Amino acid sequence: MRQTIYLDYNATTPIDPVVRDAVLPYLGEHFGNPSSDHIYGKDAKLAVAHARGQVASLIGAKPEEIVFTSGGSESDNQAIIGAALANAHRGRHIITSCIEMATSLI
C-alpha cells in the first residue's frame, strides 16, 4: 500500500479539530462581518475581541497590539510597513528580498 505525504505546508495546513469546532459557528450561524455595525456582525465582533484577548494573554501583549491578517502576504506587508515607519528617521528607502515571491513560485 502506498502512503501519501503532504509537503506543501507553506501553502496550507490541516486545521486542528479543536480550532475547527471553535470556528464552525462563525462559518454558519454567526456569519456576520465583525467590522459591520449591523446585528449580524455583533457575535462575530465579540468573538474576534475575545480571540484577540486570548492571543494577547498568551504572548504577554495588550489586546490592542494584536492584529489579525488574512494571510502571509498581508502579514509580511504589515511587518515591512511597520519597520519602515519605525525607522523613517533613518531615510526613505527599504531594502528587502524577493523571498515571498520565491516561495510562491516553488
N, C-alpha and C. Protein backbone atom coordinates (compact mmCIF):
# COMPACT_ATOMS: atom_id res chain seq x y z
N MET A 1 0.84 -1.19 0.00
CA MET A 1 0.00 0.00 0.00
C MET A 1 0.88 1.24 0.00
N ARG A 2 0.54 2.19 -0.82
CA ARG A 2 1.29 3.43 -0.97
C ARG A 2 0.79 4.49 0.00
N GLN A 3 1.73 5.16 0.69
CA GLN A 3 1.36 6.23 1.62
C GLN A 3 1.71 7.58 1.00
N THR A 4 0.78 8.50 1.07
CA THR A 4 0.99 9.84 0.54
C THR A 4 1.43 10.76 1.68
N ILE A 5 2.40 11.61 1.39
CA ILE A 5 2.87 12.58 2.37
C ILE A 5 2.66 13.97 1.78
N TYR A 6 1.99 14.83 2.52
CA TYR A 6 1.71 16.20 2.08
C TYR A 6 2.88 17.09 2.47
N LEU A 7 3.51 17.74 1.50
CA LEU A 7 4.69 18.56 1.76
C LEU A 7 4.50 20.04 1.42
N ASP A 8 3.27 20.49 1.30
CA ASP A 8 3.01 21.88 0.94
C ASP A 8 2.44 22.67 2.12
N TYR A 9 2.99 22.48 3.30
CA TYR A 9 2.51 23.20 4.47
C TYR A 9 2.79 24.70 4.37
N ASN A 10 3.63 25.10 3.44
CA ASN A 10 3.84 26.53 3.20
C ASN A 10 2.56 27.18 2.67
N ALA A 11 1.77 26.43 1.93
CA ALA A 11 0.54 26.96 1.33
C ALA A 11 -0.65 26.85 2.28
N THR A 12 -0.81 25.72 2.91
CA THR A 12 -1.94 25.49 3.83
C THR A 12 -1.65 24.28 4.69
N THR A 13 -2.31 24.23 5.81
CA THR A 13 -2.15 23.10 6.73
C THR A 13 -3.52 22.61 7.15
N PRO A 14 -3.59 21.35 7.57
CA PRO A 14 -4.89 20.88 8.07
C PRO A 14 -5.22 21.62 9.37
N ILE A 15 -6.49 21.86 9.57
CA ILE A 15 -6.92 22.59 10.77
C ILE A 15 -7.11 21.61 11.92
N ASP A 16 -6.66 22.02 13.09
CA ASP A 16 -6.81 21.20 14.29
C ASP A 16 -8.31 21.08 14.60
N PRO A 17 -8.77 19.89 14.98
CA PRO A 17 -10.21 19.71 15.26
C PRO A 17 -10.75 20.66 16.33
N VAL A 18 -9.95 21.01 17.32
CA VAL A 18 -10.39 21.95 18.36
C VAL A 18 -10.64 23.33 17.74
N VAL A 19 -9.74 23.74 16.85
CA VAL A 19 -9.89 25.04 16.17
C VAL A 19 -11.11 24.99 15.26
N ARG A 20 -11.25 23.91 14.51
CA ARG A 20 -12.41 23.76 13.62
C ARG A 20 -13.71 23.90 14.39
N ASP A 21 -13.80 23.24 15.53
CA ASP A 21 -15.03 23.30 16.32
C ASP A 21 -15.30 24.70 16.86
N ALA A 22 -14.23 25.43 17.20
CA ALA A 22 -14.39 26.80 17.71
C ALA A 22 -14.83 27.76 16.60
N VAL A 23 -14.36 27.53 15.38
CA VAL A 23 -14.64 28.42 14.25
C VAL A 23 -15.97 28.10 13.58
N LEU A 24 -16.38 26.87 13.62
CA LEU A 24 -17.56 26.41 12.87
C LEU A 24 -18.81 27.28 13.05
N PRO A 25 -19.17 27.70 14.26
CA PRO A 25 -20.37 28.55 14.38
C PRO A 25 -20.27 29.86 13.60
N TYR A 26 -19.06 30.34 13.37
CA TYR A 26 -18.87 31.62 12.67
C TYR A 26 -18.81 31.45 11.16
N LEU A 27 -18.90 30.23 10.70
CA LEU A 27 -18.98 29.94 9.27
C LEU A 27 -20.42 29.69 8.85
N GLY A 28 -21.31 29.61 9.81
CA GLY A 28 -22.71 29.34 9.52
C GLY A 28 -23.64 30.26 10.28
N GLU A 29 -23.90 29.93 11.53
CA GLU A 29 -24.88 30.66 12.34
C GLU A 29 -24.50 32.11 12.60
N HIS A 30 -23.25 32.39 12.93
CA HIS A 30 -22.79 33.75 13.26
C HIS A 30 -21.86 34.25 12.16
N PHE A 31 -22.37 34.37 10.96
CA PHE A 31 -21.56 34.63 9.77
C PHE A 31 -21.30 36.10 9.51
N GLY A 32 -21.81 37.01 10.30
CA GLY A 32 -21.72 38.44 10.01
C GLY A 32 -20.31 38.98 10.00
N ASN A 33 -20.15 40.05 9.26
CA ASN A 33 -18.86 40.75 9.17
C ASN A 33 -18.59 41.44 10.51
N PRO A 34 -17.50 41.07 11.21
CA PRO A 34 -17.24 41.66 12.53
C PRO A 34 -16.93 43.16 12.48
N SER A 35 -16.66 43.69 11.31
CA SER A 35 -16.38 45.12 11.17
C SER A 35 -17.64 45.93 10.89
N SER A 36 -18.77 45.27 10.75
CA SER A 36 -20.01 45.97 10.42
C SER A 36 -20.74 46.44 11.68
N ASP A 37 -21.68 47.32 11.50
CA ASP A 37 -22.47 47.84 12.61
C ASP A 37 -23.80 47.11 12.79
N HIS A 38 -24.16 46.24 11.86
CA HIS A 38 -25.46 45.59 11.97
C HIS A 38 -25.42 44.40 12.94
N ILE A 39 -26.59 43.92 13.28
CA ILE A 39 -26.75 42.88 14.29
C ILE A 39 -26.03 41.58 13.91
N TYR A 40 -25.92 41.29 12.61
CA TYR A 40 -25.29 40.04 12.19
C TYR A 40 -23.79 40.01 12.51
N GLY A 41 -23.18 41.18 12.60
CA GLY A 41 -21.76 41.22 12.91
C GLY A 41 -21.44 41.25 14.39
N LYS A 42 -22.46 41.44 15.23
CA LYS A 42 -22.25 41.59 16.67
C LYS A 42 -21.53 40.38 17.29
N ASP A 43 -22.05 39.19 17.06
CA ASP A 43 -21.44 37.99 17.64
C ASP A 43 -20.04 37.76 17.10
N ALA A 44 -19.86 38.00 15.82
CA ALA A 44 -18.54 37.82 15.22
C ALA A 44 -17.55 38.83 15.81
N LYS A 45 -17.99 40.06 16.01
CA LYS A 45 -17.13 41.09 16.58
C LYS A 45 -16.71 40.72 18.00
N LEU A 46 -17.64 40.23 18.79
CA LEU A 46 -17.33 39.79 20.15
C LEU A 46 -16.35 38.62 20.13
N ALA A 47 -16.52 37.71 19.20
CA ALA A 47 -15.62 36.56 19.10
C ALA A 47 -14.21 36.99 18.72
N VAL A 48 -14.09 37.93 17.80
CA VAL A 48 -12.77 38.44 17.41
C VAL A 48 -12.11 39.14 18.59
N ALA A 49 -12.86 39.93 19.34
CA ALA A 49 -12.32 40.61 20.51
C ALA A 49 -11.86 39.60 21.56
N HIS A 50 -12.64 38.56 21.74
CA HIS A 50 -12.27 37.50 22.70
C HIS A 50 -10.99 36.80 22.25
N ALA A 51 -10.92 36.46 20.97
CA ALA A 51 -9.72 35.80 20.43
C ALA A 51 -8.50 36.71 20.55
N ARG A 52 -8.68 37.99 20.29
CA ARG A 52 -7.58 38.96 20.41
C ARG A 52 -7.06 38.98 21.85
N GLY A 53 -7.98 38.96 22.81
CA GLY A 53 -7.60 38.93 24.21
C GLY A 53 -6.87 37.66 24.58
N GLN A 54 -7.31 36.53 24.04
CA GLN A 54 -6.65 35.25 24.31
C GLN A 54 -5.22 35.24 23.78
N VAL A 55 -5.04 35.70 22.55
CA VAL A 55 -3.71 35.73 21.95
C VAL A 55 -2.81 36.69 22.73
N ALA A 56 -3.33 37.84 23.08
CA ALA A 56 -2.54 38.82 23.83
C ALA A 56 -2.08 38.23 25.16
N SER A 57 -2.98 37.57 25.85
CA SER A 57 -2.65 36.95 27.13
C SER A 57 -1.59 35.87 26.97
N LEU A 58 -1.70 35.12 25.90
CA LEU A 58 -0.77 34.03 25.64
C LEU A 58 0.66 34.52 25.44
N ILE A 59 0.82 35.68 24.80
CA ILE A 59 2.17 36.17 24.48
C ILE A 59 2.59 37.38 25.31
N GLY A 60 1.78 37.76 26.30
CA GLY A 60 2.13 38.87 27.17
C GLY A 60 2.02 40.23 26.50
N ALA A 61 1.01 40.38 25.65
CA ALA A 61 0.80 41.65 24.94
C ALA A 61 -0.53 42.26 25.38
N LYS A 62 -0.80 43.45 24.91
CA LYS A 62 -2.09 44.09 25.12
C LYS A 62 -2.99 43.72 23.95
N PRO A 63 -4.29 43.53 24.18
CA PRO A 63 -5.19 43.18 23.07
C PRO A 63 -5.10 44.13 21.89
N GLU A 64 -4.92 45.43 22.15
CA GLU A 64 -4.86 46.40 21.04
C GLU A 64 -3.58 46.28 20.23
N GLU A 65 -2.62 45.49 20.70
CA GLU A 65 -1.38 45.26 19.96
C GLU A 65 -1.50 44.06 19.00
N ILE A 66 -2.59 43.34 19.08
CA ILE A 66 -2.79 42.15 18.25
C ILE A 66 -3.55 42.54 16.99
N VAL A 67 -2.97 42.20 15.84
CA VAL A 67 -3.60 42.48 14.55
C VAL A 67 -3.75 41.16 13.81
N PHE A 68 -4.97 40.81 13.47
CA PHE A 68 -5.22 39.61 12.68
C PHE A 68 -5.19 39.98 11.20
N THR A 69 -4.53 39.16 10.40
CA THR A 69 -4.47 39.39 8.97
C THR A 69 -5.07 38.20 8.24
N SER A 70 -5.24 38.34 6.94
CA SER A 70 -5.85 37.28 6.16
C SER A 70 -4.86 36.25 5.66
N GLY A 71 -3.57 36.51 5.81
CA GLY A 71 -2.59 35.53 5.34
C GLY A 71 -1.17 36.06 5.38
N GLY A 72 -0.28 35.25 4.85
CA GLY A 72 1.15 35.55 4.91
C GLY A 72 1.57 36.82 4.21
N SER A 73 1.06 37.07 3.02
CA SER A 73 1.47 38.26 2.27
C SER A 73 1.04 39.53 3.00
N GLU A 74 -0.18 39.54 3.52
CA GLU A 74 -0.64 40.71 4.26
C GLU A 74 0.20 40.91 5.53
N SER A 75 0.54 39.81 6.19
CA SER A 75 1.37 39.89 7.39
C SER A 75 2.75 40.43 7.06
N ASP A 76 3.34 39.93 5.97
CA ASP A 76 4.65 40.42 5.54
C ASP A 76 4.60 41.92 5.27
N ASN A 77 3.56 42.35 4.56
CA ASN A 77 3.43 43.77 4.23
C ASN A 77 3.29 44.62 5.49
N GLN A 78 2.53 44.15 6.46
CA GLN A 78 2.38 44.90 7.71
C GLN A 78 3.72 45.02 8.44
N ALA A 79 4.51 43.94 8.43
CA ALA A 79 5.81 43.98 9.09
C ALA A 79 6.75 44.96 8.38
N ILE A 80 6.74 44.95 7.07
CA ILE A 80 7.60 45.86 6.30
C ILE A 80 7.18 47.31 6.53
N ILE A 81 5.87 47.57 6.48
CA ILE A 81 5.38 48.92 6.71
C ILE A 81 5.73 49.38 8.13
N GLY A 82 5.54 48.50 9.11
CA GLY A 82 5.86 48.85 10.49
C GLY A 82 7.34 49.17 10.67
N ALA A 83 8.20 48.36 10.06
CA ALA A 83 9.64 48.61 10.14
C ALA A 83 10.00 49.93 9.46
N ALA A 84 9.37 50.20 8.32
CA ALA A 84 9.64 51.45 7.60
C ALA A 84 9.22 52.66 8.42
N LEU A 85 8.04 52.60 9.01
CA LEU A 85 7.56 53.72 9.82
C LEU A 85 8.41 53.93 11.07
N ALA A 86 8.82 52.83 11.69
CA ALA A 86 9.64 52.93 12.90
C ALA A 86 11.03 53.49 12.61
N ASN A 87 11.48 53.33 11.38
CA ASN A 87 12.82 53.78 11.01
C ASN A 87 12.80 54.94 10.01
N ALA A 88 11.69 55.63 9.89
CA ALA A 88 11.56 56.72 8.92
C ALA A 88 12.61 57.80 9.14
N HIS A 89 13.03 57.97 10.38
CA HIS A 89 14.04 58.99 10.68
C HIS A 89 15.40 58.67 10.07
N ARG A 90 15.57 57.42 9.63
CA ARG A 90 16.85 56.99 9.06
C ARG A 90 16.90 57.13 7.53
N GLY A 91 15.76 57.46 6.93
CA GLY A 91 15.72 57.62 5.48
C GLY A 91 14.43 57.09 4.91
N ARG A 92 14.25 57.33 3.61
CA ARG A 92 13.01 56.94 2.94
C ARG A 92 13.28 55.86 1.92
N HIS A 93 13.88 54.78 2.33
CA HIS A 93 14.11 53.66 1.42
C HIS A 93 14.00 52.36 2.20
N ILE A 94 13.65 51.32 1.49
CA ILE A 94 13.52 49.98 2.07
C ILE A 94 14.30 49.02 1.19
N ILE A 95 15.10 48.20 1.81
CA ILE A 95 15.79 47.14 1.09
C ILE A 95 15.20 45.83 1.60
N THR A 96 14.69 45.04 0.70
CA THR A 96 14.06 43.78 1.07
C THR A 96 14.46 42.71 0.06
N SER A 97 13.94 41.53 0.22
CA SER A 97 14.26 40.44 -0.70
C SER A 97 12.99 39.94 -1.37
N CYS A 98 13.16 39.07 -2.31
CA CYS A 98 12.01 38.52 -3.03
C CYS A 98 11.63 37.15 -2.46
N ILE A 99 11.93 36.88 -1.20
CA ILE A 99 11.67 35.57 -0.61
C ILE A 99 10.20 35.19 -0.68
N GLU A 100 9.30 36.15 -0.45
CA GLU A 100 7.86 35.86 -0.53
C GLU A 100 7.51 35.39 -1.94
N MET A 101 8.01 36.07 -2.94
CA MET A 101 7.76 35.68 -4.32
C MET A 101 8.38 34.32 -4.61
N ALA A 102 9.59 34.12 -4.13
CA ALA A 102 10.29 32.86 -4.42
C ALA A 102 9.55 31.67 -3.84
N THR A 103 9.03 31.80 -2.62
CA THR A 103 8.33 30.66 -2.02
C THR A 103 7.02 30.39 -2.73
N SER A 104 6.40 31.42 -3.33
CA SER A 104 5.16 31.20 -4.04
C SER A 104 5.40 30.48 -5.37
N LEU A 105 6.58 30.62 -5.92
CA LEU A 105 6.86 30.04 -7.23
C LEU A 105 7.35 28.60 -7.15
N ILE A 106 7.76 28.19 -5.97
CA ILE A 106 8.31 26.83 -5.83
C ILE A 106 7.23 25.80 -6.03
